[in-house]
Amino acid sequence: MTMTSTAAATCHPHPAASTARKRWSVAEVEALFEQPFFDLVFQAQQVHRAHFDANAIQRSTLLSIKTGGCSEDCGYCSQSARYNTGLEREQLLPIAEVLENARAAKAKGASRFCMGAAWRGPKDKDLEPVLEMVREVKKLGLQTCVTLGMLKEGQAEQLADAGLDYYNHNIDTAPEFYGQVITTHTMQDRLNTIDKVRGAGINVCSGGIVGMGESRAARASLLAQLANMPTPPESVPINNLVQIPGTPLAGAGALDPFEFVRTIAAARITMPTSYVRLSAGRQQMSDELQALCFMAGANSMFYGERLLTTDNPGADRDDSLFARLGLSAI
C-alpha cells in the first residue's frame, strides 16, 4: 500500500496524540498495521500503560443459556439452523443451572458472567426469565453481560432495570465484507441495537471476528468502525475464527498469528480506554502467542473450559500462564 503523507505521519505518534483522536480513517488504521511489528507493539504497549495496569487482566466466563436453532445465516456459526454442524438444540437453561455455573465461575476467579442465547432477537416471553437470571447473578457479586441478538424497543430498558452491566453485540466484520459472511441482517441492524443499549445506559461489549478470509484493509475498517462510534465499546472482543465443520467458513485460510497480534495492537491504539478481550480461538493459541497479545494491549479474556459451543483453555492452564507472566486477575 502506498501511504499518503498524512497517513504516514500517523505511524509513530506519541501515545497522548493517539489517545486524543476523535475519529480514525481506515487508511490511518491500516498504516498502523503496516508498521514494523515491534514498533507497533511498542506503541500499543505505551498506550496501554497510559490507561491501564500493564499486568492486570479482566476475566469473564461465558455460558450458553440457549443453544442452537438460530434463524440467522452467519457463516461462522455452529448455532445456525441452516447448517449441519452436529450441534444439538437445547432450550433455555433453568435458572438454577445458570446460577450453579455462575457460582463456579466466581469461585475460579471470573469477575464477569456472560450469558448467550442463540436468537435472532428475544421475544418478550423469552426475555422475562433472562431478566431474572441477570438479577440473581448480580446478587452473587458478579458483573453481568448478555448476548441475545437484536433488541426491540423497550427491551434494553428492561435489561437495564434488571441491573445488566454489559450487552454484547459484535459487529463481526468490516461493512464492505459483511455481505460475504451474513445476509439475514445488516451491520446497520447491529448498530441499531447498540444504539438502544447505549440509550438505556448499559455498557457496550462489541468487537469482531478475524480470519474469515477478509483483507488487512477490512480488519482496519472493522476497527475504525468500532473506534469511531460516538462512544467506543467499553469492551472489545477480538475473536480468531474457530472453523466449525458444516459452516460455510470451515475452509477459510488460517490467519497469520502475527497479523492477529497486529489486530490486537491496532485495537488498543485506536480504542485506548477500552478493554480489549482475547475471545474465541484462544484454545488454538500457544502461551507465547497469548503473551504477545497481552504485550500488544489485550487486557481481558474469556476464562473457563467452554465459549458457547467451542473449547477454551482450562482454568489450570490459564492460572499457570498468569503465574509465569506475573499477571493478576481483575
Protein backbone atom coordinates (compact mmCIF):
# COMPACT_ATOMS: atom_id res chain seq x y z
CA MET A 1 0.00 0.00 0.00
CA THR A 2 1.24 3.49 -0.87
CA MET A 3 0.58 5.77 2.09
CA THR A 4 -0.18 9.45 1.81
CA SER A 5 1.95 11.81 3.84
CA THR A 6 -0.96 12.24 6.25
CA ALA A 7 -1.29 8.51 6.83
CA ALA A 8 2.46 8.04 7.08
CA ALA A 9 2.67 10.73 9.71
CA THR A 10 0.43 8.65 11.97
CA CYS A 11 2.80 5.69 12.08
CA HIS A 12 4.72 6.76 15.19
CA PRO A 13 2.59 9.25 17.11
CA HIS A 14 3.20 9.85 20.80
CA PRO A 15 0.61 7.90 22.84
CA ALA A 16 -1.00 11.10 24.06
CA ALA A 17 -1.57 12.14 20.46
CA SER A 18 -3.24 8.87 19.55
CA THR A 19 -5.50 8.85 22.60
CA ALA A 20 -6.74 12.37 21.83
CA ARG A 21 -8.08 11.35 18.41
CA LYS A 22 -11.82 11.51 17.84
CA ARG A 23 -12.02 9.64 14.54
CA TRP A 24 -9.79 7.24 12.61
CA SER A 25 -9.78 6.81 8.87
CA VAL A 26 -9.39 3.30 7.51
CA ALA A 27 -6.13 4.40 5.88
CA GLU A 28 -4.77 5.56 9.23
CA VAL A 29 -5.63 2.27 10.92
CA GLU A 30 -4.13 0.33 8.03
CA ALA A 31 -0.98 2.41 8.40
CA LEU A 32 -0.73 1.16 11.99
CA PHE A 33 -0.87 -2.42 10.73
CA GLU A 34 1.92 -1.72 8.26
CA GLN A 35 4.45 -0.56 10.81
CA PRO A 36 7.31 -2.90 11.67
CA PHE A 37 5.91 -5.43 14.13
CA PHE A 38 7.94 -4.37 17.15
CA ASP A 39 7.28 -0.66 16.55
CA LEU A 40 3.55 -1.34 16.50
CA VAL A 41 3.62 -3.48 19.65
CA PHE A 42 5.79 -0.91 21.45
CA GLN A 43 3.37 1.88 20.57
CA ALA A 44 0.41 -0.22 21.71
CA GLN A 45 2.17 -1.03 24.99
CA GLN A 46 2.80 2.67 25.62
CA VAL A 47 -0.88 3.49 25.04
CA HIS A 48 -1.90 0.58 27.22
CA ARG A 49 0.29 1.64 30.14
CA ALA A 50 -1.08 5.18 29.94
CA HIS A 51 -4.57 3.90 30.74
CA PHE A 52 -4.36 0.53 32.48
CA ASP A 53 -2.34 -1.57 34.89
CA ALA A 54 0.00 -3.31 32.46
CA ASN A 55 -0.09 -6.60 34.36
CA ALA A 56 -3.79 -6.97 35.17
CA ILE A 57 -6.25 -8.99 33.06
CA GLN A 58 -10.03 -8.94 33.40
CA ARG A 59 -11.54 -12.44 33.29
CA SER A 60 -15.06 -13.25 32.04
CA THR A 61 -16.88 -16.56 31.82
CA LEU A 62 -19.39 -17.21 29.01
CA LEU A 63 -22.29 -19.65 29.26
CA SER A 64 -24.69 -20.66 26.50
CA ILE A 65 -28.12 -20.40 28.14
CA LYS A 66 -29.98 -21.38 24.95
CA THR A 67 -28.12 -23.33 22.29
CA GLY A 68 -28.73 -23.83 18.56
CA GLY A 69 -31.69 -23.29 16.27
CA CYS A 70 -30.88 -19.70 15.34
CA SER A 71 -32.56 -18.49 12.13
CA GLU A 72 -29.61 -16.31 11.07
CA ASP A 73 -27.09 -17.40 8.42
CA CYS A 74 -23.82 -16.13 9.99
CA GLY A 75 -21.23 -18.11 8.06
CA TYR A 76 -19.01 -18.80 11.06
CA CYS A 77 -21.66 -20.02 13.50
CA SER A 78 -22.35 -23.57 14.65
CA GLN A 79 -25.69 -22.47 16.09
CA SER A 80 -27.36 -21.53 12.80
CA ALA A 81 -30.29 -23.79 11.96
CA ARG A 82 -29.22 -23.54 8.32
CA TYR A 83 -26.03 -25.61 8.75
CA ASN A 84 -25.48 -29.23 9.68
CA THR A 85 -22.80 -28.97 12.35
CA GLY A 86 -23.94 -31.81 14.60
CA LEU A 87 -24.91 -29.38 17.35
CA GLU A 88 -27.95 -30.42 19.36
CA ARG A 89 -30.54 -27.76 20.07
CA GLU A 90 -31.19 -27.00 23.71
CA GLN A 91 -33.96 -24.97 25.30
CA LEU A 92 -33.34 -22.10 27.71
CA LEU A 93 -31.49 -23.40 30.76
CA PRO A 94 -33.29 -23.35 34.12
CA ILE A 95 -32.17 -20.54 36.36
CA ALA A 96 -30.80 -22.96 38.98
CA GLU A 97 -28.34 -24.37 36.45
CA VAL A 98 -27.29 -20.89 35.34
CA LEU A 99 -26.62 -19.86 38.93
CA GLU A 100 -24.66 -23.03 39.59
CA ASN A 101 -22.40 -22.13 36.65
CA ALA A 102 -22.13 -18.53 37.84
CA ARG A 103 -21.04 -19.59 41.34
CA ALA A 104 -18.44 -21.94 39.86
CA ALA A 105 -17.13 -19.16 37.59
CA LYS A 106 -16.76 -16.78 40.52
CA ALA A 107 -15.01 -19.45 42.60
CA LYS A 108 -12.47 -19.92 39.79
CA GLY A 109 -11.72 -16.19 39.63
CA ALA A 110 -14.04 -14.72 36.98
CA SER A 111 -15.37 -11.22 37.69
CA ARG A 112 -17.95 -11.08 34.87
CA PHE A 113 -20.53 -13.69 33.90
CA CYS A 114 -21.81 -13.57 30.34
CA MET A 115 -24.94 -15.39 29.16
CA GLY A 116 -25.57 -16.06 25.47
CA ALA A 117 -28.77 -17.18 23.76
CA ALA A 118 -28.97 -18.22 20.11
CA TRP A 119 -31.82 -16.00 18.99
CA ARG A 120 -32.21 -13.53 16.15
CA GLY A 121 -33.65 -11.46 18.95
CA PRO A 122 -35.62 -12.28 22.08
CA LYS A 123 -39.41 -12.32 22.17
CA ASP A 124 -40.87 -10.64 25.24
CA LYS A 125 -41.72 -14.05 26.71
CA ASP A 126 -38.08 -15.10 26.21
CA LEU A 127 -36.76 -12.01 27.93
CA GLU A 128 -38.53 -12.43 31.27
CA PRO A 129 -36.52 -15.46 32.51
CA VAL A 130 -33.31 -13.80 31.30
CA LEU A 131 -34.12 -10.72 33.38
CA GLU A 132 -34.43 -12.98 36.43
CA MET A 133 -31.06 -14.56 35.60
CA VAL A 134 -29.46 -11.12 35.46
CA ARG A 135 -30.95 -10.13 38.80
CA GLU A 136 -29.84 -13.33 40.52
CA VAL A 137 -26.31 -13.36 39.06
CA LYS A 138 -25.87 -9.75 40.19
CA LYS A 139 -26.68 -10.87 43.74
CA LEU A 140 -23.62 -13.15 43.59
CA GLY A 141 -21.38 -10.10 43.23
CA LEU A 142 -20.54 -10.68 39.56
CA GLN A 143 -20.77 -8.22 36.70
CA THR A 144 -23.44 -9.35 34.25
CA CYS A 145 -23.41 -9.50 30.46
CA VAL A 146 -25.86 -10.99 27.98
CA THR A 147 -25.86 -11.53 24.23
CA LEU A 148 -29.37 -12.15 22.96
CA GLY A 149 -29.35 -10.82 19.40
CA MET A 150 -31.19 -7.79 18.13
CA LEU A 151 -33.37 -5.94 20.65
CA LYS A 152 -36.79 -4.45 20.14
CA GLU A 153 -37.94 -1.13 21.53
CA GLY A 154 -38.11 -1.16 25.31
CA GLN A 155 -36.13 -4.38 25.83
CA ALA A 156 -32.83 -2.62 26.57
CA GLU A 157 -34.59 -0.58 29.25
CA GLN A 158 -35.92 -3.78 30.84
CA LEU A 159 -32.42 -5.22 30.93
CA ALA A 160 -31.11 -2.01 32.47
CA ASP A 161 -33.81 -2.12 35.13
CA ALA A 162 -32.73 -5.68 35.96
CA GLY A 163 -29.22 -4.37 36.60
CA LEU A 164 -27.43 -5.57 33.45
CA ASP A 165 -23.87 -4.24 33.24
CA TYR A 166 -22.89 -5.13 29.64
CA TYR A 167 -24.68 -6.09 26.44
CA ASN A 168 -22.61 -7.95 23.86
CA HIS A 169 -23.44 -7.36 20.21
CA ASN A 170 -20.47 -7.83 17.89
CA ILE A 171 -20.45 -6.04 14.56
CA ASP A 172 -18.41 -9.02 13.30
CA THR A 173 -16.50 -7.57 10.35
CA ALA A 174 -16.00 -4.61 8.04
CA PRO A 175 -19.05 -3.03 6.41
CA GLU A 176 -17.72 -3.83 2.93
CA PHE A 177 -17.14 -7.51 3.82
CA TYR A 178 -20.34 -8.03 5.79
CA GLY A 179 -22.44 -9.49 2.97
CA GLN A 180 -19.88 -12.22 2.35
CA VAL A 181 -20.40 -13.50 5.90
CA ILE A 182 -24.03 -12.70 6.76
CA THR A 183 -27.08 -11.95 4.58
CA THR A 184 -30.01 -12.25 7.03
CA HIS A 185 -29.27 -8.92 8.69
CA THR A 186 -27.11 -5.89 8.01
CA MET A 187 -24.45 -4.14 10.02
CA GLN A 188 -26.88 -1.27 10.46
CA ASP A 189 -29.25 -3.68 12.21
CA ARG A 190 -26.45 -4.42 14.67
CA LEU A 191 -25.66 -0.74 15.15
CA ASN A 192 -29.33 -0.01 15.84
CA THR A 193 -29.32 -2.47 18.74
CA ILE A 194 -26.08 -0.96 20.06
CA ASP A 195 -27.77 2.45 19.98
CA LYS A 196 -30.67 1.04 22.02
CA VAL A 197 -28.22 -0.40 24.56
CA ARG A 198 -26.38 2.93 24.85
CA GLY A 199 -29.65 4.78 25.22
CA ALA A 200 -30.60 2.56 28.15
CA GLY A 201 -27.33 3.33 29.94
CA ILE A 202 -25.84 -0.19 29.57
CA ASN A 203 -22.16 -0.68 28.78
CA VAL A 204 -21.43 -1.96 25.28
CA CYS A 205 -19.37 -5.05 24.51
CA SER A 206 -18.77 -5.15 20.76
CA GLY A 207 -15.96 -6.42 18.58
CA GLY A 208 -15.45 -8.72 15.66
CA ILE A 209 -14.03 -11.87 14.15
CA VAL A 210 -10.85 -12.07 12.11
CA GLY A 211 -9.55 -14.93 10.00
CA MET A 212 -12.71 -15.21 7.88
CA GLY A 213 -10.86 -14.55 4.63
CA GLU A 214 -11.03 -10.76 4.96
CA SER A 215 -8.20 -8.49 3.83
CA ARG A 216 -5.99 -6.42 6.12
CA ALA A 217 -7.88 -3.37 4.87
CA ALA A 218 -11.11 -4.99 6.07
CA ARG A 219 -9.59 -5.62 9.50
CA ALA A 220 -8.60 -1.96 9.62
CA SER A 221 -12.12 -1.00 8.55
CA LEU A 222 -13.64 -3.12 11.32
CA LEU A 223 -11.51 -1.37 13.95
CA ALA A 224 -12.26 2.08 12.51
CA GLN A 225 -15.99 1.30 12.69
CA LEU A 226 -15.67 0.40 16.37
CA ALA A 227 -13.33 3.25 17.30
CA ASN A 228 -15.49 5.85 15.57
CA MET A 229 -18.68 5.00 17.43
CA PRO A 230 -19.93 8.06 19.37
CA THR A 231 -18.64 6.23 22.44
CA PRO A 232 -16.31 3.30 21.65
CA PRO A 233 -17.33 -0.01 23.26
CA GLU A 234 -16.15 -0.41 26.84
CA SER A 235 -15.23 -3.99 25.97
CA VAL A 236 -13.92 -5.08 22.55
CA PRO A 237 -13.75 -8.85 21.95
CA ILE A 238 -11.35 -9.84 19.17
CA ASN A 239 -12.22 -13.36 18.01
CA ASN A 240 -9.92 -15.52 15.89
CA LEU A 241 -12.20 -17.69 13.76
CA VAL A 242 -12.71 -21.22 15.05
CA GLN A 243 -13.58 -23.17 11.94
CA ILE A 244 -16.67 -25.32 12.55
CA PRO A 245 -17.21 -28.25 10.15
CA GLY A 246 -20.50 -27.76 8.34
CA THR A 247 -20.35 -23.96 8.29
CA PRO A 248 -19.53 -22.01 5.10
CA LEU A 249 -16.30 -20.65 6.63
CA ALA A 250 -14.94 -24.06 7.61
CA GLY A 251 -12.39 -23.85 4.78
CA ALA A 252 -11.13 -20.31 5.38
CA GLY A 253 -7.36 -19.93 5.41
CA ALA A 254 -5.85 -19.55 8.87
CA LEU A 255 -4.79 -16.03 9.84
CA ASP A 256 -1.07 -15.47 10.38
CA PRO A 257 -0.52 -15.27 14.17
CA PHE A 258 1.50 -12.06 13.90
CA GLU A 259 -1.39 -10.49 11.97
CA PHE A 260 -3.66 -11.37 14.87
CA VAL A 261 -1.29 -9.63 17.29
CA ARG A 262 -1.23 -6.63 14.95
CA THR A 263 -5.03 -6.54 15.14
CA ILE A 264 -4.89 -6.52 18.95
CA ALA A 265 -2.29 -3.72 18.91
CA ALA A 266 -4.28 -1.60 16.47
CA ALA A 267 -7.41 -2.09 18.58
CA ARG A 268 -5.51 -0.91 21.67
CA ILE A 269 -4.16 2.20 19.93
CA THR A 270 -7.48 3.19 18.35
CA MET A 271 -9.55 2.44 21.49
CA PRO A 272 -7.14 3.33 24.30
CA THR A 273 -9.63 3.22 27.19
CA SER A 274 -11.50 0.06 26.14
CA TYR A 275 -10.85 -3.42 27.49
CA VAL A 276 -9.57 -5.47 24.53
CA ARG A 277 -10.52 -9.10 25.00
CA LEU A 278 -8.96 -12.29 23.70
CA SER A 279 -12.06 -14.29 22.81
CA ALA A 280 -12.74 -17.25 20.52
CA GLY A 281 -9.74 -19.10 19.17
CA ARG A 282 -7.62 -18.95 22.31
CA GLN A 283 -7.66 -22.74 22.66
CA GLN A 284 -5.62 -22.89 19.44
CA MET A 285 -3.10 -20.26 20.61
CA SER A 286 0.22 -21.08 22.22
CA ASP A 287 1.13 -19.48 25.53
CA GLU A 288 3.74 -17.45 23.66
CA LEU A 289 1.17 -16.05 21.23
CA GLN A 290 -1.15 -15.10 24.08
CA ALA A 291 1.74 -13.36 25.84
CA LEU A 292 2.38 -11.31 22.68
CA CYS A 293 -1.29 -10.36 22.64
CA PHE A 294 -1.12 -9.19 26.25
CA MET A 295 2.01 -7.21 25.39
CA ALA A 296 0.11 -5.64 22.49
CA GLY A 297 -2.63 -4.39 24.81
CA ALA A 298 -5.13 -7.20 25.34
CA ASN A 299 -6.29 -6.96 28.94
CA SER A 300 -9.38 -9.13 29.07
CA MET A 301 -10.07 -12.77 28.29
CA PHE A 302 -12.75 -15.41 28.39
CA TYR A 303 -11.97 -17.79 31.21
CA GLY A 304 -13.35 -21.32 31.53
CA GLU A 305 -13.48 -24.51 29.51
CA ARG A 306 -16.24 -23.52 27.05
CA LEU A 307 -17.21 -20.50 24.94
CA LEU A 308 -20.82 -21.13 23.98
CA THR A 309 -20.13 -24.17 21.74
CA THR A 310 -16.33 -24.16 21.29
CA ASP A 311 -13.48 -25.20 23.55
CA ASN A 312 -11.45 -22.74 25.60
CA PRO A 313 -8.28 -23.33 27.64
CA GLY A 314 -8.87 -24.82 31.07
CA ALA A 315 -8.59 -22.64 34.15
CA ASP A 316 -5.48 -24.54 35.28
CA ARG A 317 -3.64 -23.68 32.07
CA ASP A 318 -4.64 -20.02 32.36
CA ASP A 319 -3.65 -19.85 36.02
CA SER A 320 -0.25 -21.31 35.12
CA LEU A 321 0.19 -18.76 32.32
CA PHE A 322 -0.72 -15.90 34.66
CA ALA A 323 1.86 -17.15 37.18
CA ARG A 324 4.58 -17.47 34.54
CA LEU A 325 3.93 -13.94 33.24
CA GLY A 326 3.35 -12.29 36.62
CA LEU A 327 -0.20 -11.29 35.69
CA SER A 328 -3.00 -10.66 38.15
CA ALA A 329 -6.73 -11.10 37.61
CA ILE A 330 -9.18 -8.21 37.83
